[in-house]
Structures are given as structure tokens and as C-alpha cells.
Amino acid sequence: MALGVNGLSVKWSHHSILGFTDSETVMLDLDDMSFRSVKYWSLRTMNWFQLGGFIILKSSDRCYHVVFNRKVSWTQNMSVVAWVSLLSHNKDLHRWLEMQCIKQASTLRIGPKRQKPSPRIVYKYGEQNGQIEGFLKYRRMIKRIMKTMGEPD
């Protein structure tokens, strides 16, 4: 437990969910999919749209996040997500796409959520020096803040 103002203990609020929001990074929230399917769609998407590389994070059982490396416009970003949503027939990704369009930026969870731990990296492929590098720097910063506030990883 971390010490806060006047030596009082501070505990991270479990009602808050920390995430990464960006309009120029192609990200996918693939729920209810096998790792094999997530890897297939990640490779296919990276190659089709020339996104350079990707990382896959496991957020919970059969739930994954994918972050791609190349910077794109918001229009192209949503076009890529819509393409994967339509071809994969993933209804959860389609709902996530709709919410991102409403917000006009994409968000993926970094911190814990209810009983789910923070998403962990399970696979890397290709270039990691663009948008992925920025995502990972932000992720490390958030994890340091959570640790300082007393939240377990």
C-alpha cells in the first residue's frame, strides 16, 4: 500500500479502468476468439494494410487486444477495424467499433477491470518502433502509477 498525503494510505480505486486512447493507432479488441484466430486476423490485417507489425495482448480468457505499428489517419483506422469486423464476423468487435466511432478515438484497457488482471503481451510480430513503441511507453507509465498507488500488476 502506498502512502499518500499526510501519511495516509492510498489504494487504487477498482471502479476506475485505465486505458490507452488514440486516433492514429490501429487497435482491435477481439473477444470470444481463440489465440490462433487472433493471430490469423492480425497477420492478415497487417499484410493487407501494410501496418508493419503488431503485438497481441491477452486481456482474459479468449479475449485479446491487438496494437499495430504504423501510424494512420482516423478514417483509415476505422476502415481497417471495420474490415476486420465484417470479414471475421466478430459481433463483439463490431460493437467495440461502434463505440470507438462515437468517441472518435480508439481505447484499449491497460489496467485491471473487475476480476480481470491487466492485459499482458503474449505475442509480437514485425516492426515495433512506431505506434507500438508509443503504446508500450504509455503502458509502462500507467503500470508505474498503478504500482505507486498500491495496485498489484
C-alpha atoms as a PDB file:
ATOM      1  CA  MET A   1       0.000   0.000   0.000  1.00  0.00           C
ATOM      2  CA  ALA A   2       1.411   3.389  -0.959  1.00  0.00           C
ATOM      3  CA  LEU A   3       1.477   6.410   1.315  1.00  0.00           C
ATOM      4  CA  GLY A   4      -0.427   9.448   0.191  1.00  0.00           C
ATOM      5  CA  VAL A   5      -0.998  12.942   1.600  1.00  0.00           C
ATOM      6  CA  ASN A   6      -0.212  13.329   5.327  1.00  0.00           C
ATOM      7  CA  GLY A   7       0.992   9.725   5.548  1.00  0.00           C
ATOM      8  CA  LEU A   8      -2.489   8.301   4.882  1.00  0.00           C
ATOM      9  CA  SER A   9      -2.596   5.081   2.919  1.00  0.00           C
ATOM     10  CA  VAL A  10      -3.899   5.299  -0.631  1.00  0.00           C
ATOM     11  CA  LYS A  11      -5.475   2.381  -2.519  1.00  0.00           C
ATOM     12  CA  TRP A  12      -6.167   2.328  -6.245  1.00  0.00           C
ATOM     13  CA  SER A  13      -9.892   2.635  -6.984  1.00  0.00           C
ATOM     14  CA  HIS A  14     -11.186  -0.572  -8.523  1.00  0.00           C
ATOM     15  CA  HIS A  15     -14.007   1.415 -10.090  1.00  0.00           C
ATOM     16  CA  SER A  16     -11.575   3.141 -12.457  1.00  0.00           C
ATOM     17  CA  ILE A  17     -10.351   1.443 -15.607  1.00  0.00           C
ATOM     18  CA  LEU A  18      -7.201   2.857 -17.166  1.00  0.00           C
ATOM     19  CA  GLY A  19      -6.675   2.613 -20.890  1.00  0.00           C
ATOM     20  CA  PHE A  20      -4.833   3.907 -23.933  1.00  0.00           C
ATOM     21  CA  THR A  21      -6.803   6.174 -26.279  1.00  0.00           C
ATOM     22  CA  ASP A  22      -5.554   7.257 -29.700  1.00  0.00           C
ATOM     23  CA  SER A  23      -6.956   8.069 -33.129  1.00  0.00           C
ATOM     24  CA  GLU A  24      -3.851   7.217 -35.184  1.00  0.00           C
ATOM     25  CA  THR A  25      -3.077   3.724 -33.879  1.00  0.00           C
ATOM     26  CA  VAL A  26      -4.961   0.777 -35.349  1.00  0.00           C
ATOM     27  CA  MET A  27      -6.155  -1.359 -32.439  1.00  0.00           C
ATOM     28  CA  LEU A  28      -8.513  -4.322 -32.242  1.00  0.00           C
ATOM     29  CA  ASP A  29     -10.483  -5.629 -29.272  1.00  0.00           C
ATOM     30  CA  LEU A  30     -11.068  -9.285 -30.164  1.00  0.00           C
ATOM     31  CA  ASP A  31     -13.270 -11.062 -27.627  1.00  0.00           C
ATOM     32  CA  ASP A  32     -14.503 -14.640 -27.735  1.00  0.00           C
ATOM     33  CA  MET A  33     -11.752 -15.738 -30.154  1.00  0.00           C
ATOM     34  CA  SER A  34      -9.047 -18.361 -29.987  1.00  0.00           C
ATOM     35  CA  PHE A  35      -5.422 -17.196 -29.983  1.00  0.00           C
ATOM     36  CA  ARG A  36      -4.993 -18.917 -33.343  1.00  0.00           C
ATOM     37  CA  SER A  37      -7.830 -16.835 -34.875  1.00  0.00           C
ATOM     38  CA  VAL A  38      -6.489 -13.622 -33.337  1.00  0.00           C
ATOM     39  CA  LYS A  39      -3.042 -14.326 -34.776  1.00  0.00           C
ATOM     40  CA  TYR A  40      -4.584 -15.120 -38.199  1.00  0.00           C
ATOM     41  CA  TRP A  41      -6.578 -11.857 -38.312  1.00  0.00           C
ATOM     42  CA  SER A  42      -3.605  -9.857 -37.018  1.00  0.00           C
ATOM     43  CA  LEU A  43      -1.277 -11.203 -39.720  1.00  0.00           C
ATOM     44  CA  ARG A  44      -3.885 -10.819 -42.452  1.00  0.00           C
ATOM     45  CA  THR A  45      -4.691  -7.243 -41.393  1.00  0.00           C
ATOM     46  CA  MET A  46      -1.033  -6.242 -41.043  1.00  0.00           C
ATOM     47  CA  ASN A  47      -0.239  -7.572 -44.527  1.00  0.00           C
ATOM     48  CA  TRP A  48      -3.366  -6.240 -46.264  1.00  0.00           C
ATOM     49  CA  PHE A  49      -2.985  -2.703 -44.873  1.00  0.00           C
ATOM     50  CA  GLN A  50       0.832  -2.697 -44.650  1.00  0.00           C
ATOM     51  CA  LEU A  51       0.843  -1.931 -40.918  1.00  0.00           C
ATOM     52  CA  GLY A  52       4.424  -3.111 -40.349  1.00  0.00           C
ATOM     53  CA  GLY A  53       3.995  -5.154 -37.184  1.00  0.00           C
ATOM     54  CA  PHE A  54       1.739  -5.861 -34.215  1.00  0.00           C
ATOM     55  CA  ILE A  55       1.549  -7.030 -30.638  1.00  0.00           C
ATOM     56  CA  ILE A  56      -1.154  -9.221 -29.138  1.00  0.00           C
ATOM     57  CA  LEU A  57      -2.159  -8.778 -25.508  1.00  0.00           C
ATOM     58  CA  LYS A  58      -4.334 -11.262 -23.630  1.00  0.00           C
ATOM     59  CA  SER A  59      -6.934  -9.420 -21.558  1.00  0.00           C
ATOM     60  CA  SER A  60      -8.752 -12.505 -20.231  1.00  0.00           C
ATOM     61  CA  ASP A  61      -9.746 -15.998 -21.361  1.00  0.00           C
ATOM     62  CA  ARG A  62     -10.387 -15.906 -25.148  1.00  0.00           C
ATOM     63  CA  CYS A  63     -10.143 -12.082 -25.108  1.00  0.00           C
ATOM     64  CA  TYR A  64      -7.288 -10.276 -26.839  1.00  0.00           C
ATOM     65  CA  HIS A  65      -6.146  -6.781 -27.812  1.00  0.00           C
ATOM     66  CA  VAL A  66      -4.049  -6.110 -30.904  1.00  0.00           C
ATOM     67  CA  VAL A  67      -1.981  -2.960 -31.495  1.00  0.00           C
ATOM     68  CA  PHE A  68      -0.445  -2.299 -34.925  1.00  0.00           C
ATOM     69  CA  ASN A  69       2.769  -0.384 -35.595  1.00  0.00           C
ATOM     70  CA  ARG A  70       2.135   2.058 -38.479  1.00  0.00           C
ATOM     71  CA  LYS A  71       0.539   5.460 -37.864  1.00  0.00           C
ATOM     72  CA  VAL A  72      -2.656   6.014 -39.903  1.00  0.00           C
ATOM     73  CA  SER A  73      -5.395   8.633 -40.247  1.00  0.00           C
ATOM     74  CA  TRP A  74      -8.574   8.264 -38.197  1.00  0.00           C
ATOM     75  CA  THR A  75     -10.509   7.440 -41.378  1.00  0.00           C
ATOM     76  CA  GLN A  76      -8.114   4.653 -42.344  1.00  0.00           C
ATOM     77  CA  ASN A  77      -8.034   3.430 -38.740  1.00  0.00           C
ATOM     78  CA  MET A  78     -11.797   2.872 -38.656  1.00  0.00           C
ATOM     79  CA  SER A  79     -11.727   1.431 -42.165  1.00  0.00           C
ATOM     80  CA  VAL A  80      -9.237  -1.227 -41.005  1.00  0.00           C
ATOM     81  CA  VAL A  81     -11.271  -2.084 -37.897  1.00  0.00           C
ATOM     82  CA  ALA A  82     -14.485  -2.252 -39.943  1.00  0.00           C
ATOM     83  CA  TRP A  83     -12.775  -4.550 -42.482  1.00  0.00           C
ATOM     84  CA  VAL A  84     -11.721  -6.989 -39.733  1.00  0.00           C
ATOM     85  CA  SER A  85     -15.128  -6.740 -38.061  1.00  0.00           C
ATOM     86  CA  LEU A  86     -17.007  -7.567 -41.259  1.00  0.00           C
ATOM     87  CA  LEU A  87     -14.733 -10.345 -42.517  1.00  0.00           C
ATOM     88  CA  SER A  88     -14.255 -12.033 -39.134  1.00  0.00           C
ATOM     89  CA  HIS A  89     -17.961 -11.843 -38.223  1.00  0.00           C
ATOM     90  CA  ASN A  90     -16.937 -10.904 -34.666  1.00  0.00           C
ATOM     91  CA  LYS A  91     -20.015  -9.225 -33.140  1.00  0.00           C
ATOM     92  CA  ASP A  92     -18.056  -8.014 -30.106  1.00  0.00           C
ATOM     93  CA  LEU A  93     -15.519  -6.271 -32.357  1.00  0.00           C
ATOM     94  CA  HIS A  94     -18.394  -4.681 -34.275  1.00  0.00           C
ATOM     95  CA  ARG A  95     -19.868  -3.279 -31.031  1.00  0.00           C
ATOM     96  CA  TRP A  96     -16.415  -2.040 -29.997  1.00  0.00           C
ATOM     97  CA  LEU A  97     -16.026  -0.378 -33.436  1.00  0.00           C
ATOM     98  CA  GLU A  98     -19.337   1.458 -32.977  1.00  0.00           C
ATOM     99  CA  MET A  99     -18.249   2.814 -29.577  1.00  0.00           C
ATOM    100  CA  GLN A 100     -14.899   3.995 -30.959  1.00  0.00           C
ATOM    101  CA  CYS A 101     -16.681   5.790 -33.815  1.00  0.00           C
ATOM    102  CA  ILE A 102     -18.949   7.551 -31.320  1.00  0.00           C
ATOM    103  CA  LYS A 103     -15.939   8.659 -29.215  1.00  0.00           C
ATOM    104  CA  GLN A 104     -13.859   9.436 -32.340  1.00  0.00           C
ATOM    105  CA  ALA A 105     -10.833   7.683 -30.820  1.00  0.00           C
ATOM    106  CA  SER A 106      -9.937   4.072 -30.040  1.00  0.00           C
ATOM    107  CA  THR A 107      -9.365   2.873 -26.485  1.00  0.00           C
ATOM    108  CA  LEU A 108      -7.879  -0.354 -25.151  1.00  0.00           C
ATOM    109  CA  ARG A 109      -7.725  -1.269 -21.474  1.00  0.00           C
ATOM    110  CA  ILE A 110      -4.337  -1.213 -19.776  1.00  0.00           C
ATOM    111  CA  GLY A 111      -5.304  -1.639 -16.128  1.00  0.00           C
ATOM    112  CA  PRO A 112      -7.319  -4.291 -14.309  1.00  0.00           C
ATOM    113  CA  LYS A 113     -11.107  -4.453 -14.731  1.00  0.00           C
ATOM    114  CA  ARG A 114     -13.252  -6.068 -12.038  1.00  0.00           C
ATOM    115  CA  GLN A 115     -11.741  -9.551 -11.600  1.00  0.00           C
ATOM    116  CA  LYS A 116      -9.681  -9.330 -14.812  1.00  0.00           C
ATOM    117  CA  PRO A 117      -5.947  -8.559 -14.477  1.00  0.00           C
ATOM    118  CA  SER A 118      -4.117  -6.051 -16.676  1.00  0.00           C
ATOM    119  CA  PRO A 119      -3.696  -7.317 -20.253  1.00  0.00           C
ATOM    120  CA  ARG A 120      -0.317  -8.989 -20.808  1.00  0.00           C
ATOM    121  CA  ILE A 121       1.723  -9.231 -24.003  1.00  0.00           C
ATOM    122  CA  VAL A 122       1.588 -12.751 -25.440  1.00  0.00           C
ATOM    123  CA  TYR A 123       2.918 -12.272 -28.992  1.00  0.00           C
ATOM    124  CA  LYS A 124       4.999  -9.796 -31.032  1.00  0.00           C
ATOM    125  CA  TYR A 125       5.483  -9.764 -34.793  1.00  0.00           C
ATOM    126  CA  GLY A 126       7.280  -7.433 -37.184  1.00  0.00           C
ATOM    127  CA  GLU A 127       8.334  -3.848 -36.544  1.00  0.00           C
ATOM    128  CA  GLN A 128       7.823  -2.473 -33.038  1.00  0.00           C
ATOM    129  CA  ASN A 129       9.317   1.026 -33.429  1.00  0.00           C
ATOM    130  CA  GLY A 130       6.284   3.189 -34.319  1.00  0.00           C
ATOM    131  CA  GLN A 131       2.867   3.264 -32.700  1.00  0.00           C
ATOM    132  CA  ILE A 132       3.657   0.137 -30.680  1.00  0.00           C
ATOM    133  CA  GLU A 133       6.636   1.875 -29.089  1.00  0.00           C
ATOM    134  CA  GLY A 134       4.378   4.774 -28.028  1.00  0.00           C
ATOM    135  CA  PHE A 135       1.722   2.398 -26.708  1.00  0.00           C
ATOM    136  CA  LEU A 136       4.303   0.447 -24.667  1.00  0.00           C
ATOM    137  CA  LYS A 137       5.819   3.656 -23.200  1.00  0.00           C
ATOM    138  CA  TYR A 138       2.354   4.807 -22.112  1.00  0.00           C
ATOM    139  CA  ARG A 139       1.572   1.331 -20.745  1.00  0.00           C
ATOM    140  CA  ARG A 140       4.772   1.322 -18.653  1.00  0.00           C
ATOM    141  CA  MET A 141       3.934   4.778 -17.269  1.00  0.00           C
ATOM    142  CA  ILE A 142       0.413   3.697 -16.280  1.00  0.00           C
ATOM    143  CA  LYS A 143       1.721   0.498 -14.661  1.00  0.00           C
ATOM    144  CA  ARG A 144       4.271   2.559 -12.635  1.00  0.00           C
ATOM    145  CA  ILE A 145       1.484   4.872 -11.466  1.00  0.00           C
ATOM    146  CA  MET A 146      -0.710   1.911 -10.512  1.00  0.00           C
ATOM    147  CA  LYS A 147       2.172   0.322  -8.594  1.00  0.00           C
ATOM    148  CA  THR A 148       2.832   3.608  -6.771  1.00  0.00           C
ATOM    149  CA  MET A 149      -0.843   3.788  -5.841  1.00  0.00           C
ATOM    150  CA  GLY A 150      -0.766   0.261  -4.463  1.00  0.00           C
ATOM    151  CA  GLU A 151      -2.461  -1.682  -7.272  1.00  0.00           C
ATOM    152  CA  PRO A 152      -0.963  -5.115  -7.984  1.00  0.00           C
ATOM    153  CA  ASP A 153       0.005  -5.849 -11.616  1.00  0.00           C
END
